[in-house]
Amino acid sequence: MSMVSEEIVEGTWREVAVIAPKLAQSEMYRFARRQRELLVFVTAMTNALSSDARELATYALFVIYRMFEKSSGSTVRKIRRREIAAAFEVNQEQFERLATSHPRFLQRAAVVAGEDEPYVMRYVTDVAVGDEPDCQIHLTEQEAGELFLYLKTVVDCLHAAAAP
């Protein structure tokens, strides 16, 4: 699969932001049935964060999944727990190595990290730092970093799952 387009990213978050509550609930149930392991991963990993951070993570997970679903034109294959664990381990190791890096190197690393899905990763960054247009939630620096790591893992898994 090619990357999710900027138009799909923009259109999807706008569409989800105004979705009717009943429809949102049924769509979330549908998502949970299709990608249970992703939902379990994000829920478990954000368990120690604030309730706002947990809600934001679940919301962003749903939006990101919809982006990939729209881009692929069909259902994204079910992601397995071992795929999530492997992607998380790779991302966690990268972030640990970057913890002591020079700020200019960090900027370059951020660009490289989003090369497969630059528009989706821009959305993830906006969510984590509070720049998502409809977001009234402000995360601590630690929460933002953790949320970014978890959602980056989700994006990596969905990118691989949507590939032909």
Protein backbone atom coordinates (compact mmCIF):
# COMPACT_ATOMS: atom_id res chain seq x y z
CA MET A 1 0.00 0.00 0.00
CA SER A 2 1.18 3.49 -0.67
CA MET A 3 1.09 6.03 2.11
CA VAL A 4 -2.14 7.53 3.37
CA SER A 5 -2.68 10.81 1.54
CA GLU A 6 -2.85 14.19 3.18
CA GLU A 7 -6.45 14.54 1.93
CA ILE A 8 -7.52 11.30 3.61
CA VAL A 9 -5.81 12.26 6.88
CA GLU A 10 -7.44 15.69 6.90
CA GLY A 11 -10.85 14.46 5.79
CA THR A 12 -10.91 11.57 8.24
CA TRP A 13 -10.14 13.50 11.40
CA ARG A 14 -12.67 16.15 10.36
CA GLU A 15 -15.30 13.47 9.68
CA VAL A 16 -14.74 11.70 13.00
CA ALA A 17 -14.77 14.98 14.93
CA VAL A 18 -18.42 15.57 14.00
CA ILE A 19 -19.74 12.01 13.98
CA ALA A 20 -23.03 11.49 15.84
CA PRO A 21 -22.59 9.81 19.25
CA LYS A 22 -24.68 6.71 18.40
CA LEU A 23 -22.83 6.20 15.13
CA ALA A 24 -19.50 6.77 16.89
CA GLN A 25 -20.37 4.08 19.42
CA SER A 26 -21.33 1.52 16.77
CA GLU A 27 -18.22 2.35 14.71
CA MET A 28 -16.05 1.94 17.80
CA TYR A 29 -17.58 -1.49 18.46
CA ARG A 30 -16.92 -2.45 14.84
CA PHE A 31 -13.32 -1.28 15.19
CA ALA A 32 -12.90 -3.20 18.47
CA ARG A 33 -14.08 -6.41 16.80
CA ARG A 34 -11.72 -5.95 13.85
CA GLN A 35 -8.62 -4.72 15.68
CA ARG A 36 -9.01 -5.99 19.23
CA GLU A 37 -5.25 -6.39 19.79
CA LEU A 38 -4.52 -2.76 18.84
CA LEU A 39 -7.21 -1.55 21.22
CA VAL A 40 -5.88 -3.79 24.01
CA PHE A 41 -2.34 -2.51 23.39
CA VAL A 42 -3.27 1.17 23.58
CA THR A 43 -5.61 0.65 26.54
CA ALA A 44 -3.02 -1.33 28.51
CA MET A 45 -0.11 0.98 27.72
CA THR A 46 -2.01 4.15 28.63
CA ASN A 47 -3.54 2.70 31.80
CA ALA A 48 -1.21 4.69 34.09
CA LEU A 49 -1.76 7.99 32.25
CA SER A 50 -4.41 10.58 33.08
CA SER A 51 -7.99 9.88 32.04
CA ASP A 52 -7.72 12.68 29.45
CA ALA A 53 -4.62 11.07 27.95
CA ARG A 54 -6.30 7.65 27.86
CA GLU A 55 -9.39 9.05 26.14
CA LEU A 56 -7.27 10.97 23.65
CA ALA A 57 -5.24 7.84 22.88
CA THR A 58 -8.35 5.76 22.20
CA TYR A 59 -9.89 8.52 20.09
CA ALA A 60 -6.68 8.96 18.07
CA LEU A 61 -6.36 5.20 17.62
CA PHE A 62 -9.85 5.08 16.12
CA VAL A 63 -9.15 8.05 13.82
CA ILE A 64 -5.85 6.55 12.65
CA TYR A 65 -7.49 3.20 11.93
CA ARG A 66 -10.17 4.97 9.88
CA MET A 67 -7.45 6.76 7.90
CA PHE A 68 -5.89 3.45 6.89
CA GLU A 69 -9.25 1.86 6.21
CA LYS A 70 -10.26 4.71 3.89
CA SER A 71 -6.89 4.74 2.18
CA SER A 72 -6.88 1.01 1.49
CA GLY A 73 -10.47 1.04 0.27
CA SER A 74 -11.28 -2.02 2.36
CA THR A 75 -10.84 -3.57 5.75
CA VAL A 76 -7.29 -3.59 7.04
CA ARG A 77 -6.18 -7.12 7.97
CA LYS A 78 -6.27 -8.02 11.66
CA ILE A 79 -3.05 -7.16 13.46
CA ARG A 80 -1.60 -9.79 15.77
CA ARG A 81 -0.19 -9.23 19.24
CA ARG A 82 3.31 -10.35 18.20
CA GLU A 83 3.38 -7.74 15.39
CA ILE A 84 2.49 -5.02 17.88
CA ALA A 85 5.10 -6.22 20.36
CA ALA A 86 7.81 -6.29 17.68
CA ALA A 87 6.97 -2.80 16.40
CA PHE A 88 6.79 -1.43 19.94
CA GLU A 89 10.18 -2.90 20.81
CA VAL A 90 11.80 -1.33 17.74
CA ASN A 91 10.23 2.06 18.45
CA GLN A 92 11.09 1.93 22.15
CA GLU A 93 14.74 1.16 21.37
CA GLN A 94 14.88 4.05 18.89
CA PHE A 95 13.41 6.47 21.40
CA GLU A 96 15.79 5.34 24.15
CA ARG A 97 18.77 5.95 21.85
CA LEU A 98 17.44 9.40 21.00
CA ALA A 99 16.94 10.42 24.64
CA THR A 100 20.48 11.80 24.88
CA SER A 101 20.81 13.11 21.34
CA HIS A 102 21.46 16.65 20.15
CA PRO A 103 18.25 18.58 19.27
CA ARG A 104 19.19 18.87 15.56
CA PHE A 105 19.62 15.12 15.38
CA LEU A 106 16.22 14.69 17.05
CA GLN A 107 14.56 16.80 14.35
CA ARG A 108 16.09 14.64 11.62
CA ALA A 109 15.13 11.45 13.46
CA ALA A 110 11.53 12.68 13.69
CA VAL A 111 11.44 13.18 9.92
CA VAL A 112 12.88 9.73 9.27
CA ALA A 113 10.43 8.13 11.72
CA GLY A 114 7.54 9.44 9.66
CA GLU A 115 8.85 8.60 6.19
CA ASP A 116 6.43 5.72 5.56
CA GLU A 117 3.38 7.71 6.68
CA PRO A 118 4.31 11.40 6.90
CA TYR A 119 0.75 12.76 6.95
CA VAL A 120 -0.51 10.28 9.52
CA MET A 121 2.57 10.94 11.66
CA ARG A 122 1.91 14.68 11.45
CA TYR A 123 -1.55 13.95 12.86
CA VAL A 124 0.03 11.82 15.63
CA THR A 125 2.46 14.61 16.48
CA ASP A 126 -0.38 17.14 16.57
CA VAL A 127 -2.36 14.89 18.91
CA ALA A 128 0.60 14.28 21.23
CA VAL A 129 1.62 17.95 21.52
CA GLY A 130 -1.93 19.27 21.63
CA ASP A 131 -2.05 20.88 18.20
CA GLU A 132 -4.99 18.83 16.92
CA PRO A 133 -7.54 21.51 16.00
CA ASP A 134 -10.43 20.17 18.13
CA CYS A 135 -8.29 19.05 21.07
CA GLN A 136 -8.79 20.79 24.40
CA ILE A 137 -6.58 18.32 26.26
CA HIS A 138 -3.11 19.29 27.38
CA LEU A 139 -0.75 16.46 28.19
CA THR A 140 2.34 16.52 30.35
CA GLU A 141 5.62 16.17 28.50
CA GLN A 142 5.91 12.56 29.67
CA GLU A 143 2.34 11.74 28.59
CA ALA A 144 2.94 13.33 25.19
CA GLY A 145 6.09 11.27 24.69
CA GLU A 146 4.40 8.04 25.70
CA LEU A 147 1.34 8.75 23.58
CA PHE A 148 3.56 9.48 20.58
CA LEU A 149 5.43 6.18 21.09
CA TYR A 150 2.23 4.13 21.34
CA LEU A 151 0.56 5.79 18.37
CA LYS A 152 3.74 5.50 16.27
CA THR A 153 3.62 1.78 16.99
CA VAL A 154 -0.02 1.70 15.86
CA VAL A 155 0.83 3.55 12.64
CA ASP A 156 3.70 1.16 11.88
CA CYS A 157 1.44 -1.86 12.41
CA LEU A 158 -1.42 -0.46 10.34
CA HIS A 159 0.96 0.52 7.54
CA ALA A 160 2.27 -3.05 7.40
CA ALA A 161 -1.24 -4.54 7.67
CA ALA A 162 -2.60 -2.41 4.85
CA ALA A 163 0.22 -3.40 2.49
CA PRO A 164 -0.78 -5.83 -0.27
